[in-house]
Amino acid sequence: MKIFKNVIVASALLLALTSCKDKAEPEVKTVDVEVSSKDVAENLDPNATYAKVEFGIEGMTCAVGCAKTIEKKMAKMDGVKSAKVDFDKRLAMVEYDEAKVTPNSLEEAVAKVGDAYKVKDMKVVDSFEGEAKTCAATCKEKKDCAGKTEAEKKACKEACKKECSKNEEKKAE
């Protein structure tokens, strides 16, 4: 009986020693989470009036922990169409439904993420700093055609279109 007991203990020890790993490394699993734009589109009111604001955020120390967290917090707000935080420029760009969201509520959302984050220089804009303006929009903004006769305005618009197409050809080269 004593020999049988020793054999069982020895085999248990042998099994324990051979089955244990030498290196204790945590198992890392990566999970991709995809946010569907379809969900966002379903929650947006097509008849709503959307405004765009840009504002600086002080206190961010990293792109992932700070900027992305603030961006996600604002994007989850009811009435927010889009939210983008550029860590390098320390700039937030948010498009929102004016009936559901106010600039103050955006500022509160940033403050709720952390006490270190402060909103500065909030301004309503027509287009975000990073958005490229179309040539037609640039032509509309030109004051060169104002105060002229209809024929002169038409000629001015045509000249602007030609200038735009030349610029686009240069970009393509």
Protein backbone atom coordinates (compact mmCIF):
# COMPACT_ATOMS: atom_id res chain seq x y z
CA MET A 1 0.00 0.00 0.00
CA LYS A 2 2.90 2.29 0.81
CA ILE A 3 4.46 1.67 -2.62
CA PHE A 4 1.15 2.41 -4.34
CA LYS A 5 0.86 5.70 -2.41
CA ASN A 6 4.42 6.72 -3.39
CA VAL A 7 3.77 5.93 -7.06
CA ILE A 8 0.61 8.09 -7.07
CA VAL A 9 2.41 11.04 -5.39
CA ALA A 10 5.37 10.73 -7.78
CA SER A 11 3.14 10.61 -10.85
CA ALA A 12 1.14 13.61 -9.59
CA LEU A 13 4.37 15.58 -9.11
CA LEU A 14 5.67 14.54 -12.52
CA LEU A 15 2.38 15.56 -14.13
CA ALA A 16 2.40 18.94 -12.35
CA LEU A 17 5.99 19.70 -13.34
CA THR A 18 5.58 18.79 -17.00
CA SER A 19 2.24 20.50 -17.53
CA CYS A 20 3.21 23.91 -16.06
CA LYS A 21 4.59 26.58 -18.40
CA ASP A 22 8.02 28.00 -17.73
CA LYS A 23 6.99 31.53 -18.73
CA ALA A 24 3.99 33.16 -17.17
CA GLU A 25 2.75 35.56 -19.88
CA PRO A 26 -0.73 37.00 -19.92
CA GLU A 27 -2.90 36.07 -22.85
CA VAL A 28 -3.67 39.10 -25.00
CA LYS A 29 -6.84 39.14 -27.06
CA THR A 30 -7.67 41.87 -29.56
CA VAL A 31 -11.30 42.58 -30.18
CA ASP A 32 -12.34 44.84 -33.04
CA VAL A 33 -15.41 46.92 -32.34
CA GLU A 34 -17.08 48.38 -35.35
CA VAL A 35 -19.41 51.34 -35.03
CA SER A 36 -21.96 51.27 -37.76
CA SER A 37 -22.69 54.55 -39.48
CA LYS A 38 -26.10 53.07 -40.21
CA ASP A 39 -26.97 53.30 -36.51
CA VAL A 40 -25.93 56.94 -36.42
CA ALA A 41 -27.87 57.73 -39.59
CA GLU A 42 -31.03 56.17 -38.17
CA ASN A 43 -30.88 58.43 -35.11
CA LEU A 44 -30.37 61.65 -37.07
CA ASP A 45 -33.28 63.89 -37.95
CA PRO A 46 -33.17 64.74 -41.67
CA ASN A 47 -35.13 67.96 -41.03
CA ALA A 48 -32.85 69.16 -38.24
CA THR A 49 -30.62 72.20 -38.42
CA TYR A 50 -27.02 71.15 -37.92
CA ALA A 51 -24.28 73.46 -36.69
CA LYS A 52 -20.53 72.97 -36.70
CA VAL A 53 -18.24 74.08 -33.90
CA GLU A 54 -14.51 73.98 -33.42
CA PHE A 55 -12.80 74.38 -30.09
CA GLY A 56 -9.46 73.77 -28.46
CA ILE A 57 -9.00 71.25 -25.66
CA GLU A 58 -6.28 71.82 -23.09
CA GLY A 59 -4.95 69.09 -20.85
CA MET A 60 -4.70 66.21 -23.34
CA THR A 61 -1.51 64.17 -22.96
CA CYS A 62 -2.07 61.34 -25.46
CA ALA A 63 -3.95 60.50 -28.64
CA VAL A 64 -5.52 57.24 -27.50
CA GLY A 65 -6.36 57.77 -23.85
CA CYS A 66 -7.33 61.42 -24.04
CA ALA A 67 -8.36 62.46 -27.53
CA LYS A 68 -10.19 59.25 -28.49
CA THR A 69 -12.00 59.10 -25.14
CA ILE A 70 -13.25 62.68 -25.52
CA GLU A 71 -14.19 62.01 -29.15
CA LYS A 72 -16.20 58.90 -28.24
CA LYS A 73 -17.95 60.68 -25.36
CA MET A 74 -19.13 63.50 -27.63
CA ALA A 75 -20.03 61.14 -30.50
CA LYS A 76 -22.36 59.17 -28.21
CA MET A 77 -24.36 62.28 -27.32
CA ASP A 78 -27.89 62.33 -28.69
CA GLY A 79 -27.99 64.80 -31.58
CA VAL A 80 -24.29 64.71 -32.44
CA LYS A 81 -23.81 63.91 -36.12
CA SER A 82 -20.01 63.72 -36.02
CA ALA A 83 -17.20 64.37 -33.58
CA LYS A 84 -13.48 64.44 -34.32
CA VAL A 85 -10.67 65.31 -31.92
CA ASP A 86 -7.26 66.04 -33.44
CA PHE A 87 -4.68 65.42 -30.73
CA ASP A 88 -1.82 67.06 -32.64
CA LYS A 89 -3.71 70.32 -33.14
CA ARG A 90 -5.51 70.05 -29.77
CA LEU A 91 -8.70 70.73 -31.73
CA ALA A 92 -12.21 69.27 -31.57
CA MET A 93 -14.63 69.48 -34.50
CA VAL A 94 -18.27 68.62 -33.80
CA GLU A 95 -21.37 68.72 -35.99
CA TYR A 96 -24.60 68.60 -34.01
CA ASP A 97 -28.37 69.13 -34.09
CA GLU A 98 -29.01 72.60 -32.64
CA ALA A 99 -32.33 71.45 -31.12
CA LYS A 100 -30.69 68.68 -29.06
CA VAL A 101 -27.16 69.86 -28.33
CA THR A 102 -25.69 73.19 -27.28
CA PRO A 103 -22.08 74.36 -27.13
CA ASN A 104 -22.42 74.34 -23.32
CA SER A 105 -23.45 70.68 -23.33
CA LEU A 106 -20.40 69.84 -25.45
CA GLU A 107 -18.20 71.68 -22.97
CA GLU A 108 -19.83 69.76 -20.09
CA ALA A 109 -19.24 66.45 -21.90
CA VAL A 110 -15.53 67.25 -22.22
CA ALA A 111 -15.35 68.21 -18.54
CA LYS A 112 -17.07 64.95 -17.50
CA VAL A 113 -14.33 62.91 -19.18
CA GLY A 114 -11.77 64.37 -16.80
CA ASP A 115 -11.04 67.41 -14.67
CA ALA A 116 -7.80 68.04 -16.57
CA TYR A 117 -9.59 68.84 -19.85
CA LYS A 118 -10.60 72.44 -20.52
CA VAL A 119 -12.43 73.80 -23.56
CA LYS A 120 -11.12 77.03 -25.06
CA ASP A 121 -11.97 79.28 -28.00
CA MET A 122 -15.24 77.63 -29.06
CA LYS A 123 -16.51 79.03 -32.35
CA VAL A 124 -19.29 78.19 -34.78
CA VAL A 125 -17.92 77.55 -38.27
CA ASP A 126 -19.33 76.89 -41.74
CA SER A 127 -16.73 74.23 -42.49
CA PHE A 128 -14.09 72.55 -40.40
CA GLU A 129 -10.46 73.62 -40.61
CA GLY A 130 -9.45 70.29 -42.15
CA GLU A 131 -12.20 70.18 -44.76
CA ALA A 132 -11.13 71.07 -48.26
CA LYS A 133 -13.35 73.63 -49.91
CA THR A 134 -14.64 72.86 -53.34
CA CYS A 135 -13.73 75.19 -56.11
CA ALA A 136 -17.38 76.18 -56.56
CA ALA A 137 -17.60 77.17 -52.88
CA THR A 138 -14.43 79.21 -53.24
CA CYS A 139 -15.88 80.98 -56.31
CA LYS A 140 -19.05 81.82 -54.39
CA GLU A 141 -16.97 83.38 -51.63
CA LYS A 142 -15.09 85.62 -54.06
CA LYS A 143 -16.23 89.20 -53.96
CA ASP A 144 -14.81 89.94 -57.43
CA CYS A 145 -18.14 89.25 -59.11
CA ALA A 146 -20.24 91.40 -56.76
CA GLY A 147 -21.68 94.69 -57.98
CA LYS A 148 -21.39 93.89 -61.67
CA THR A 149 -23.95 93.55 -64.44
CA GLU A 150 -25.46 90.16 -65.18
CA ALA A 151 -23.23 89.70 -68.23
CA GLU A 152 -20.13 90.63 -66.22
CA LYS A 153 -21.18 88.27 -63.38
CA LYS A 154 -21.59 85.43 -65.86
CA ALA A 155 -18.16 86.13 -67.37
CA CYS A 156 -16.67 86.33 -63.87
CA LYS A 157 -18.17 82.93 -62.92
CA GLU A 158 -16.87 81.38 -66.13
CA ALA A 159 -13.38 82.74 -65.43
CA CYS A 160 -13.53 81.31 -61.93
CA LYS A 161 -14.57 77.89 -63.28
CA LYS A 162 -11.69 77.95 -65.77
CA GLU A 163 -9.27 78.87 -62.99
CA CYS A 164 -10.62 75.99 -60.89
CA SER A 165 -10.20 73.47 -63.67
CA LYS A 166 -6.62 74.67 -64.26
CA ASN A 167 -5.85 74.23 -60.56
CA GLU A 168 -7.34 70.73 -60.57
CA GLU A 169 -5.26 69.80 -63.64
CA LYS A 170 -2.12 70.99 -61.88
CA LYS A 171 -2.99 68.89 -58.82
CA ALA A 172 -3.51 65.82 -61.01
CA GLU A 173 -0.04 66.19 -62.50
